[in-house]
Amino acid sequence: MPLVFGHDQVVADWAAERVGAAFHPPYVAWGVTDATGMLTGALVFNEYYRGGNISLSLAGQGAMRREVLRAAAIYVFRQLGCTRVTARTRRSNLAMRRILGRSWKFECTQPRWFGPEKADDALVYVLFPEMAERWIARRKVTNGLDTLAA
């Protein structure tokens, strides 16, 4: 599960195709590749660091892997010093709602965030450092991800 850094535009464009929304700078985008080097996931840290909050957009199945989300928590809370991460998903995206609902706190609904239909409401989830600390603490050092904690 190698992570790709430094190709923000390419990774963000790949993610935008999959989520159906454009990303506008400033942002940082990480790619997740499989064993063949094919991009399978993306994390886009968008609305880049506004005070204590940063927004996170996930695309592709590779982005949902535990070790990827742990690395993201280390980056956001330890490196950037954020006090929260916000993620939005469409009401109709049941898979993402299930993933976020496991560890993130549901915060609110933003009607018609993604468009005019009820299914295009955004469900907003938030993650605080104390909620992510258990992921960080039990994280195994693999693929150089330990450097993110430095």
Protein backbone atom coordinates (compact mmCIF):
# COMPACT_ATOMS: atom_id res chain seq x y z
CA MET A 1 0.00 0.00 0.00
CA PRO A 2 2.50 2.63 -1.07
CA LEU A 3 1.42 6.22 -0.70
CA VAL A 4 2.18 8.75 -3.43
CA PHE A 5 3.11 12.29 -2.40
CA GLY A 6 3.98 15.36 -4.44
CA HIS A 7 1.56 14.77 -7.32
CA ASP A 8 -1.32 16.77 -5.88
CA GLN A 9 -2.92 17.85 -9.17
CA VAL A 10 -2.85 14.39 -10.76
CA VAL A 11 -4.21 12.69 -7.65
CA ALA A 12 -6.88 15.36 -7.07
CA ASP A 13 -8.02 15.09 -10.70
CA TRP A 14 -8.27 11.30 -10.35
CA ALA A 15 -10.31 11.72 -7.16
CA ALA A 16 -12.53 14.40 -8.73
CA GLU A 17 -13.52 12.01 -11.53
CA ARG A 18 -14.65 9.46 -8.99
CA VAL A 19 -16.51 11.72 -6.58
CA GLY A 20 -18.01 13.98 -9.22
CA ALA A 21 -16.70 17.22 -7.74
CA ALA A 22 -13.77 19.45 -8.57
CA PHE A 23 -11.06 20.33 -6.07
CA HIS A 24 -9.68 23.83 -6.03
CA PRO A 25 -6.33 24.81 -4.54
CA PRO A 26 -5.04 25.04 -2.00
CA TYR A 27 -5.08 21.33 -1.17
CA VAL A 28 -2.75 18.43 -0.57
CA ALA A 29 -3.55 15.12 -2.24
CA TRP A 30 -2.16 11.67 -1.44
CA GLY A 31 -2.46 8.75 -3.80
CA VAL A 32 -2.75 5.12 -2.74
CA THR A 33 -1.37 2.53 -5.13
CA ASP A 34 -1.60 -1.22 -5.39
CA ALA A 35 1.30 -3.63 -5.90
CA THR A 36 1.45 -2.80 -9.62
CA GLY A 37 1.66 0.95 -9.02
CA MET A 38 -1.93 1.56 -10.13
CA LEU A 39 -3.76 4.34 -8.32
CA THR A 40 -6.56 2.77 -6.24
CA GLY A 41 -7.41 5.56 -3.85
CA ALA A 42 -6.93 9.20 -3.01
CA LEU A 43 -7.12 11.44 0.02
CA VAL A 44 -7.56 15.12 -0.67
CA PHE A 45 -7.01 17.48 2.23
CA ASN A 46 -9.05 20.35 0.86
CA GLU A 47 -10.30 23.65 2.17
CA TYR A 48 -6.76 23.37 3.32
CA TYR A 49 -6.25 24.10 6.99
CA ARG A 50 -8.58 26.83 8.08
CA GLY A 51 -7.59 27.52 11.66
CA GLY A 52 -8.19 24.29 13.53
CA ASN A 53 -10.17 22.45 10.84
CA ILE A 54 -9.22 20.66 7.66
CA SER A 55 -11.62 18.92 5.27
CA LEU A 56 -10.85 15.44 3.99
CA SER A 57 -12.23 13.92 0.80
CA LEU A 58 -11.75 10.21 0.12
CA ALA A 59 -12.03 8.46 -3.23
CA GLY A 60 -11.49 4.87 -4.27
CA GLN A 61 -11.29 1.78 -2.13
CA GLY A 62 -7.59 2.16 -1.41
CA ALA A 63 -8.27 5.30 0.61
CA MET A 64 -10.42 3.41 3.10
CA ARG A 65 -7.65 1.14 4.34
CA ARG A 66 -6.92 1.39 8.05
CA GLU A 67 -3.23 2.10 7.64
CA VAL A 68 -3.99 4.93 5.21
CA LEU A 69 -6.49 6.52 7.57
CA ARG A 70 -4.00 6.15 10.43
CA ALA A 71 -1.34 7.93 8.40
CA ALA A 72 -3.86 10.68 7.64
CA ALA A 73 -4.61 11.06 11.36
CA ILE A 74 -0.91 11.42 12.13
CA TYR A 75 -0.52 14.01 9.38
CA VAL A 76 -3.55 16.06 10.38
CA PHE A 77 -3.24 15.99 14.15
CA ARG A 78 0.47 15.66 14.79
CA GLN A 79 2.06 17.42 11.82
CA LEU A 80 -0.49 20.10 11.02
CA GLY A 81 -1.77 20.51 14.56
CA CYS A 82 -5.43 20.55 13.52
CA THR A 83 -8.08 20.26 16.19
CA ARG A 84 -10.59 18.53 13.91
CA VAL A 85 -11.10 16.92 10.50
CA THR A 86 -14.37 17.29 8.63
CA ALA A 87 -15.67 14.82 6.06
CA ARG A 88 -18.88 15.11 4.05
CA THR A 89 -20.62 12.38 2.16
CA ARG A 90 -23.76 12.18 0.09
CA ARG A 91 -26.80 10.89 1.92
CA SER A 92 -27.01 8.22 -0.80
CA ASN A 93 -23.45 6.94 -0.20
CA LEU A 94 -24.28 4.16 2.24
CA ALA A 95 -20.82 2.58 2.15
CA MET A 96 -19.08 5.80 3.18
CA ARG A 97 -21.70 6.53 5.82
CA ARG A 98 -21.04 3.11 7.30
CA ILE A 99 -17.26 3.69 7.32
CA LEU A 100 -17.47 7.17 8.81
CA GLY A 101 -20.13 6.12 11.32
CA ARG A 102 -17.77 3.60 12.93
CA SER A 103 -15.23 6.07 14.28
CA TRP A 104 -16.32 9.58 13.37
CA LYS A 105 -18.98 11.68 15.08
CA PHE A 106 -22.02 12.66 13.03
CA GLU A 107 -22.27 16.44 13.19
CA CYS A 108 -25.08 17.67 10.92
CA THR A 109 -26.90 17.50 7.60
CA GLN A 110 -26.34 20.18 4.97
CA PRO A 111 -29.37 20.13 2.67
CA ARG A 112 -28.66 20.15 -1.06
CA TRP A 113 -24.91 20.53 -0.53
CA PHE A 114 -24.19 18.41 -3.60
CA GLY A 115 -27.20 19.44 -5.66
CA PRO A 116 -30.97 19.81 -5.84
CA GLU A 117 -32.08 16.30 -4.87
CA LYS A 118 -32.61 15.09 -1.30
CA ALA A 119 -30.07 12.32 -1.92
CA ASP A 120 -27.57 15.10 -2.57
CA ASP A 121 -27.71 16.33 1.01
CA ALA A 122 -24.31 16.24 2.70
CA LEU A 123 -23.95 14.34 5.93
CA VAL A 124 -21.11 15.92 7.88
CA TYR A 125 -18.86 13.86 10.14
CA VAL A 126 -16.06 15.11 12.35
CA LEU A 127 -12.99 13.46 13.85
CA PHE A 128 -11.21 14.95 16.86
CA PRO A 129 -7.63 14.12 17.95
CA GLU A 130 -8.71 12.18 21.03
CA MET A 131 -10.91 9.98 18.82
CA ALA A 132 -8.00 9.20 16.50
CA GLU A 133 -5.36 8.70 19.19
CA ARG A 134 -6.18 5.01 19.58
CA TRP A 135 -5.52 4.49 15.84
CA ILE A 136 -2.21 6.31 16.07
CA ALA A 137 -1.09 4.51 19.23
CA ARG A 138 -1.66 1.00 17.88
CA ARG A 139 -0.39 1.74 14.39
CA LYS A 140 2.36 -0.54 13.16
CA VAL A 141 5.29 1.03 11.35
CA THR A 142 5.06 -0.05 7.70
CA ASN A 143 6.06 1.35 4.34
CA GLY A 144 7.82 4.34 5.86
CA LEU A 145 4.60 5.76 7.30
CA ASP A 146 6.41 6.30 10.58
CA THR A 147 8.07 9.34 9.02
CA LEU A 148 4.71 11.07 8.99
CA ALA A 149 4.74 11.11 12.79
CA ALA A 150 8.04 12.97 12.94
